[in-house]
């Protein structure tokens, strides 16, 4: 009895798959970085308040605004300092003078043209 070469080849191929462990079709790709905004708590450098913020891990271009915000009792927060920049990786430091002699409560606000907003915790400075 003569064996068909096609059937023998098909049987050999199936046997090979049954014996060999399966491998993933594609190698795992490295995880893409996470695009995120940041807003650090404001600091004081002498008579200057500094609010740093920006975006990291981003591949797309966006316009980012970093603001130093003065919190007013019973009113909307007031912008004391602001910087704007477009790009993928952004790190800005908005500054404002600290010369009123009173107490101020401030926070950093970072806004992106993508619609994302991030706000730092507030901090109070005396004799500012």
N, C-alpha and C. Protein backbone atom coordinates (compact mmCIF):
# COMPACT_ATOMS: atom_id res chain seq x y z
N UNK A 1 0.84 -1.16 0.00
CA UNK A 1 0.00 0.00 0.00
C UNK A 1 0.89 1.23 0.00
N UNK A 2 0.56 2.13 -0.83
CA UNK A 2 1.34 3.33 -1.01
C UNK A 2 0.76 4.47 -0.19
N UNK A 3 1.64 5.24 0.52
CA UNK A 3 1.17 6.35 1.35
C UNK A 3 1.22 7.64 0.57
N UNK A 4 0.25 8.51 0.83
CA UNK A 4 0.19 9.81 0.16
C UNK A 4 1.19 10.75 0.82
N UNK A 5 2.09 11.41 0.04
CA UNK A 5 3.05 12.34 0.63
C UNK A 5 2.36 13.55 1.27
N UNK A 6 1.22 13.97 0.74
CA UNK A 6 0.52 15.12 1.30
C UNK A 6 -0.02 14.79 2.69
N UNK A 7 -0.64 13.63 2.84
CA UNK A 7 -1.17 13.24 4.13
C UNK A 7 -0.06 13.04 5.15
N UNK A 8 1.05 12.46 4.71
CA UNK A 8 2.17 12.25 5.62
C UNK A 8 2.73 13.59 6.10
N UNK A 9 2.87 14.57 5.20
CA UNK A 9 3.38 15.90 5.57
C UNK A 9 2.43 16.59 6.54
N UNK A 10 1.15 16.49 6.30
CA UNK A 10 0.16 17.12 7.18
C UNK A 10 0.19 16.47 8.56
N UNK A 11 0.32 15.15 8.61
CA UNK A 11 0.37 14.45 9.89
C UNK A 11 1.64 14.82 10.65
N UNK A 12 2.76 14.96 9.97
CA UNK A 12 4.02 15.32 10.61
C UNK A 12 3.94 16.74 11.18
N UNK A 13 3.33 17.64 10.44
CA UNK A 13 3.19 19.02 10.90
C UNK A 13 2.31 19.09 12.14
N UNK A 14 1.21 18.37 12.15
CA UNK A 14 0.33 18.35 13.32
C UNK A 14 1.03 17.74 14.53
N UNK A 15 1.81 16.72 14.31
CA UNK A 15 2.54 16.08 15.41
C UNK A 15 3.56 17.05 16.00
N UNK A 16 4.20 17.85 15.16
CA UNK A 16 5.19 18.82 15.64
C UNK A 16 4.53 19.86 16.52
N UNK A 17 3.35 20.31 16.15
CA UNK A 17 2.64 21.30 16.97
C UNK A 17 2.18 20.70 18.30
N UNK A 18 1.87 19.43 18.29
CA UNK A 18 1.42 18.78 19.52
C UNK A 18 2.58 18.62 20.50
N UNK A 19 3.80 18.47 20.01
CA UNK A 19 4.95 18.24 20.86
C UNK A 19 5.57 19.55 21.33
N UNK A 20 5.66 20.55 20.44
CA UNK A 20 6.31 21.82 20.77
C UNK A 20 5.39 22.71 21.60
N UNK A 21 5.93 23.36 22.60
CA UNK A 21 5.09 24.30 23.36
C UNK A 21 4.71 25.48 22.47
N UNK A 22 3.57 26.02 22.75
CA UNK A 22 3.12 27.15 21.95
C UNK A 22 3.89 28.40 22.34
N UNK A 23 4.17 29.22 21.37
CA UNK A 23 4.88 30.48 21.60
C UNK A 23 3.96 31.62 21.23
N UNK A 24 4.09 32.77 21.87
CA UNK A 24 3.23 33.89 21.50
C UNK A 24 3.52 34.33 20.07
N UNK A 25 2.50 34.80 19.41
CA UNK A 25 2.66 35.22 18.03
C UNK A 25 3.53 36.47 17.93
N UNK A 26 3.41 37.36 18.88
CA UNK A 26 4.20 38.58 18.88
C UNK A 26 4.93 38.71 20.20
N UNK A 27 6.12 39.22 20.12
CA UNK A 27 6.85 39.48 21.36
C UNK A 27 6.17 40.63 22.11
N UNK A 28 6.23 40.60 23.41
CA UNK A 28 5.61 41.66 24.21
C UNK A 28 6.34 42.97 23.96
N UNK A 29 5.57 44.00 23.66
CA UNK A 29 6.19 45.31 23.42
C UNK A 29 6.39 46.02 24.76
N UNK A 30 7.43 46.85 24.84
CA UNK A 30 7.63 47.58 26.09
C UNK A 30 6.44 48.49 26.36
N UNK A 31 6.11 48.66 27.62
CA UNK A 31 4.97 49.47 27.99
C UNK A 31 5.21 50.93 27.62
N UNK A 32 4.23 51.55 27.02
CA UNK A 32 4.33 52.95 26.65
C UNK A 32 4.33 53.81 27.91
N UNK A 33 5.10 54.90 27.89
CA UNK A 33 5.11 55.77 29.07
C UNK A 33 3.73 56.39 29.28
N UNK A 34 3.44 56.70 30.51
CA UNK A 34 2.15 57.31 30.84
C UNK A 34 2.32 58.82 30.82
N UNK A 35 1.52 59.48 30.02
CA UNK A 35 1.55 60.93 29.92
C UNK A 35 0.78 61.50 31.11
N UNK A 36 1.44 62.33 31.89
CA UNK A 36 0.80 62.86 33.08
C UNK A 36 1.24 64.29 33.37
N UNK A 37 0.34 65.03 33.98
CA UNK A 37 0.66 66.38 34.44
C UNK A 37 1.19 66.30 35.86
N UNK A 38 1.97 67.31 36.25
CA UNK A 38 2.39 67.41 37.65
C UNK A 38 2.32 68.86 38.09
N UNK A 39 2.08 69.05 39.36
CA UNK A 39 2.03 70.38 39.98
C UNK A 39 2.60 70.23 41.38
N UNK A 40 3.80 70.72 41.58
CA UNK A 40 4.45 70.62 42.89
C UNK A 40 3.94 71.72 43.82
N UNK A 41 3.93 71.42 45.11
CA UNK A 41 3.53 72.41 46.10
C UNK A 41 4.46 73.62 46.00
N UNK A 42 3.92 74.84 46.01
CA UNK A 42 4.77 76.03 45.89
C UNK A 42 5.82 76.10 46.99
N UNK A 43 6.93 76.74 46.65
CA UNK A 43 8.02 76.96 47.60
C UNK A 43 8.30 78.46 47.67
N UNK A 44 9.11 78.82 48.65
CA UNK A 44 9.50 80.22 48.81
C UNK A 44 11.02 80.31 48.72
N UNK A 45 11.49 81.19 47.86
CA UNK A 45 12.93 81.44 47.71
C UNK A 45 13.16 82.91 48.02
N UNK A 46 13.46 83.20 49.27
CA UNK A 46 13.61 84.59 49.69
C UNK A 46 12.29 85.32 49.61
N UNK A 47 12.22 86.37 48.79
CA UNK A 47 10.99 87.14 48.60
C UNK A 47 10.26 86.74 47.31
N UNK A 48 10.43 85.49 46.89
CA UNK A 48 9.79 85.00 45.67
C UNK A 48 9.08 83.68 45.94
N UNK A 49 7.83 83.58 45.48
CA UNK A 49 7.09 82.33 45.52
C UNK A 49 7.29 81.62 44.19
N UNK A 50 7.50 80.30 44.24
CA UNK A 50 7.79 79.53 43.02
C UNK A 50 6.84 78.34 42.94
N UNK A 51 6.17 78.22 41.80
CA UNK A 51 5.26 77.10 41.54
C UNK A 51 5.77 76.34 40.33
N UNK A 52 6.17 75.07 40.50
CA UNK A 52 6.67 74.28 39.38
C UNK A 52 5.64 73.25 38.97
N UNK A 53 5.55 73.04 37.67
CA UNK A 53 4.62 72.07 37.12
C UNK A 53 4.95 71.79 35.67
N UNK A 54 4.22 70.86 35.07
CA UNK A 54 4.44 70.52 33.67
C UNK A 54 3.82 69.19 33.32
N UNK A 55 4.46 68.51 32.34
CA UNK A 55 3.97 67.19 31.92
C UNK A 55 5.16 66.31 31.58
N UNK A 56 5.02 65.02 31.85
CA UNK A 56 6.09 64.06 31.59
C UNK A 56 5.52 62.80 30.95
N UNK A 57 6.39 62.07 30.24
CA UNK A 57 5.99 60.81 29.63
C UNK A 57 5.07 60.96 28.44
N UNK A 58 5.06 62.11 27.80
CA UNK A 58 4.11 62.38 26.71
C UNK A 58 4.79 62.31 25.35
N UNK A 59 4.06 61.81 24.38
CA UNK A 59 4.56 61.74 23.00
C UNK A 59 3.89 62.77 22.10
N UNK A 60 2.70 63.20 22.49
CA UNK A 60 1.98 64.19 21.68
C UNK A 60 2.29 65.60 22.19
N UNK A 61 2.15 66.56 21.32
CA UNK A 61 2.40 67.96 21.69
C UNK A 61 1.13 68.57 22.28
N UNK A 62 1.31 69.36 23.32
CA UNK A 62 0.20 70.08 23.94
C UNK A 62 0.73 71.39 24.49
N UNK A 63 -0.17 72.31 24.75
CA UNK A 63 0.19 73.57 25.39
C UNK A 63 -0.13 73.44 26.87
N UNK A 64 0.87 73.74 27.71
CA UNK A 64 0.72 73.59 29.15
C UNK A 64 0.84 74.95 29.82
N UNK A 65 -0.05 75.21 30.77
CA UNK A 65 -0.02 76.44 31.56
C UNK A 65 0.20 76.07 33.02
N UNK A 66 1.22 76.68 33.63
CA UNK A 66 1.49 76.49 35.05
C UNK A 66 1.21 77.81 35.74
N UNK A 67 0.36 77.76 36.77
CA UNK A 67 -0.04 78.98 37.49
C UNK A 67 0.25 78.88 38.98
N UNK A 68 0.67 79.98 39.55
CA UNK A 68 0.78 80.13 41.00
C UNK A 68 -0.51 80.82 41.42
N UNK A 69 -1.34 80.10 42.20
CA UNK A 69 -2.68 80.58 42.54
C UNK A 69 -2.75 81.02 44.01
N UNK A 70 -3.28 82.23 44.23
CA UNK A 70 -3.49 82.79 45.56
C UNK A 70 -4.93 82.49 45.95
N UNK A 71 -5.12 81.77 47.06
CA UNK A 71 -6.46 81.41 47.51
C UNK A 71 -7.03 82.53 48.36
N UNK A 72 -8.17 83.07 47.90
CA UNK A 72 -8.84 84.16 48.61
C UNK A 72 -10.07 83.61 49.32
N UNK A 73 -10.28 84.07 50.54
CA UNK A 73 -11.43 83.62 51.30
C UNK A 73 -12.70 84.15 50.64
N UNK A 74 -13.66 83.26 50.41
CA UNK A 74 -14.96 83.61 49.81
C UNK A 74 -14.83 84.22 48.42
N UNK A 75 -13.80 83.86 47.68
CA UNK A 75 -13.64 84.37 46.31
C UNK A 75 -12.85 83.35 45.48
N UNK A 76 -12.91 83.54 44.18
CA UNK A 76 -12.15 82.69 43.27
C UNK A 76 -10.66 82.93 43.44
N UNK A 77 -9.87 81.88 43.30
CA UNK A 77 -8.41 82.02 43.42
C UNK A 77 -7.89 82.99 42.36
N UNK A 78 -6.88 83.75 42.74
CA UNK A 78 -6.29 84.77 41.87
C UNK A 78 -4.94 84.27 41.34
N UNK A 79 -4.68 84.50 40.06
CA UNK A 79 -3.41 84.11 39.45
C UNK A 79 -2.34 85.12 39.84
N UNK A 80 -1.28 84.63 40.52
CA UNK A 80 -0.16 85.50 40.89
C UNK A 80 0.97 85.43 39.87
N UNK A 81 1.16 84.26 39.27
CA UNK A 81 2.21 84.07 38.27
C UNK A 81 1.79 82.98 37.31
N UNK A 82 2.25 83.08 36.06
CA UNK A 82 1.82 82.12 35.04
C UNK A 82 2.88 82.00 33.95
N UNK A 83 3.11 80.77 33.49
CA UNK A 83 3.97 80.50 32.34
C UNK A 83 3.26 79.53 31.42
N UNK A 84 3.48 79.67 30.11
CA UNK A 84 2.84 78.81 29.11
C UNK A 84 3.92 78.32 28.15
N UNK A 85 3.82 77.03 27.79
CA UNK A 85 4.77 76.46 26.82
C UNK A 85 4.11 75.30 26.10
N UNK A 86 4.47 75.12 24.82
CA UNK A 86 3.99 73.97 24.04
C UNK A 86 5.13 72.98 23.86
N UNK A 87 4.78 71.69 23.84
CA UNK A 87 5.78 70.65 23.65
C UNK A 87 5.28 69.32 24.15
N UNK A 88 6.20 68.36 24.25
CA UNK A 88 5.84 67.03 24.75
C UNK A 88 6.24 66.87 26.21
N UNK A 89 7.47 67.22 26.53
CA UNK A 89 7.98 67.17 27.91
C UNK A 89 8.18 68.60 28.38
N UNK A 90 7.45 69.01 29.41
CA UNK A 90 7.47 70.42 29.83
C UNK A 90 7.69 70.50 31.34
N UNK A 91 8.56 71.43 31.74
CA UNK A 91 8.83 71.69 33.15
C UNK A 91 8.95 73.20 33.31
N UNK A 92 7.97 73.82 33.96
CA UNK A 92 7.92 75.27 34.10
C UNK A 92 7.94 75.69 35.57
N UNK A 93 8.44 76.90 35.81
CA UNK A 93 8.45 77.47 37.17
C UNK A 93 7.86 78.87 37.11
N UNK A 94 6.60 78.99 37.49
CA UNK A 94 5.94 80.30 37.56
C UNK A 94 6.34 80.96 38.88
N UNK A 95 6.64 82.26 38.82
CA UNK A 95 7.11 82.97 40.02
C UNK A 95 6.29 84.23 40.26
N UNK A 96 6.27 84.64 41.53
CA UNK A 96 5.59 85.89 41.92
C UNK A 96 6.30 86.44 43.15
N UNK A 97 6.29 87.78 43.29
CA UNK A 97 6.94 88.38 44.47
C UNK A 97 6.17 88.05 45.75
N UNK A 98 6.89 87.97 46.83
CA UNK A 98 6.32 87.70 48.15
C UNK A 98 6.67 88.91 49.02
N UNK A 99 5.89 90.00 48.85
CA UNK A 99 6.26 91.27 49.49
C UNK A 99 5.10 91.98 50.18
N UNK A 100 3.97 91.28 50.41
CA UNK A 100 2.82 91.95 51.02
C UNK A 100 2.96 92.10 52.53
N UNK A 101 3.81 91.28 53.15
CA UNK A 101 3.98 91.33 54.60
C UNK A 101 2.94 90.53 55.36
N UNK A 102 1.93 90.03 54.67
CA UNK A 102 0.86 89.27 55.33
C UNK A 102 1.01 87.78 55.10
N UNK A 103 -0.06 87.07 55.40
CA UNK A 103 -0.09 85.62 55.23
C UNK A 103 -0.76 85.30 53.90
N UNK A 104 -0.18 84.37 53.13
CA UNK A 104 -0.78 83.95 51.86
C UNK A 104 -0.91 82.43 51.82
N UNK A 105 -2.01 81.98 51.23
CA UNK A 105 -2.23 80.55 51.01
C UNK A 105 -2.27 80.35 49.50
N UNK A 106 -1.36 79.51 48.99
CA UNK A 106 -1.21 79.35 47.54
C UNK A 106 -1.15 77.87 47.15
N UNK A 107 -1.40 77.62 45.87
CA UNK A 107 -1.22 76.29 45.30
C UNK A 107 -0.76 76.43 43.85
N UNK A 108 -0.26 75.34 43.29
CA UNK A 108 0.15 75.30 41.89
C UNK A 108 -0.95 74.63 41.09
N UNK A 109 -1.24 75.19 39.92
CA UNK A 109 -2.23 74.60 39.02
C UNK A 109 -1.58 74.40 37.66
N UNK A 110 -1.66 73.18 37.13
CA UNK A 110 -1.12 72.87 35.80
C UNK A 110 -2.28 72.48 34.90
N UNK A 111 -2.39 73.15 33.76
CA UNK A 111 -3.46 72.89 32.79
C UNK A 111 -2.86 72.54 31.44
N UNK A 112 -3.50 71.60 30.75
CA UNK A 112 -3.06 71.19 29.42
C UNK A 112 -4.13 71.52 28.39
N UNK A 113 -3.70 71.78 27.16
CA UNK A 113 -4.66 72.04 26.09
C UNK A 113 -5.48 70.79 25.77
N UNK A 114 -5.10 69.64 26.31
CA UNK A 114 -5.87 68.41 26.13
C UNK A 114 -7.09 68.38 27.05
N UNK A 115 -7.15 69.33 28.01
CA UNK A 115 -8.27 69.39 28.94
C UNK A 115 -7.93 68.91 30.34
N UNK A 116 -6.77 68.31 30.51
CA UNK A 116 -6.37 67.81 31.83
C UNK A 116 -5.94 68.96 32.74
N UNK A 117 -6.24 68.82 34.04
CA UNK A 117 -5.86 69.81 35.05
C UNK A 117 -5.34 69.05 36.27
N UNK A 118 -4.26 69.56 36.84
CA UNK A 118 -3.72 68.97 38.07
C UNK A 118 -3.39 70.10 39.04
N UNK A 119 -3.74 69.91 40.30
CA UNK A 119 -3.53 70.94 41.32
C UNK A 119 -2.74 70.37 42.49
N UNK A 120 -1.79 71.15 42.98
CA UNK A 120 -0.99 70.72 44.13
C UNK A 120 -1.76 70.96 45.42
N UNK A 121 -1.29 70.37 46.51
CA UNK A 121 -1.83 70.74 47.82
C UNK A 121 -1.49 72.21 48.11
N UNK A 122 -2.31 72.85 48.91
CA UNK A 122 -2.07 74.25 49.28
C UNK A 122 -0.99 74.34 50.35
N UNK A 123 -0.36 75.51 50.42
CA UNK A 123 0.63 75.79 51.45
C UNK A 123 0.46 77.25 51.88
N UNK A 124 0.69 77.52 53.16
CA UNK A 124 0.56 78.88 53.69
C UNK A 124 1.94 79.42 54.04
N UNK A 125 2.19 80.67 53.62
CA UNK A 125 3.44 81.36 53.94
C UNK A 125 3.12 82.58 54.78
N UNK A 126 3.84 82.76 55.87
CA UNK A 126 3.68 83.93 56.74
C UNK A 126 4.63 85.03 56.30
N UNK A 127 4.25 86.27 56.63
CA UNK A 127 5.06 87.45 56.31
C UNK A 127 5.53 87.43 54.85
N UNK A 128 4.57 87.27 54.00
CA UNK A 128 4.88 87.20 52.59
C UNK A 128 4.35 88.44 51.89
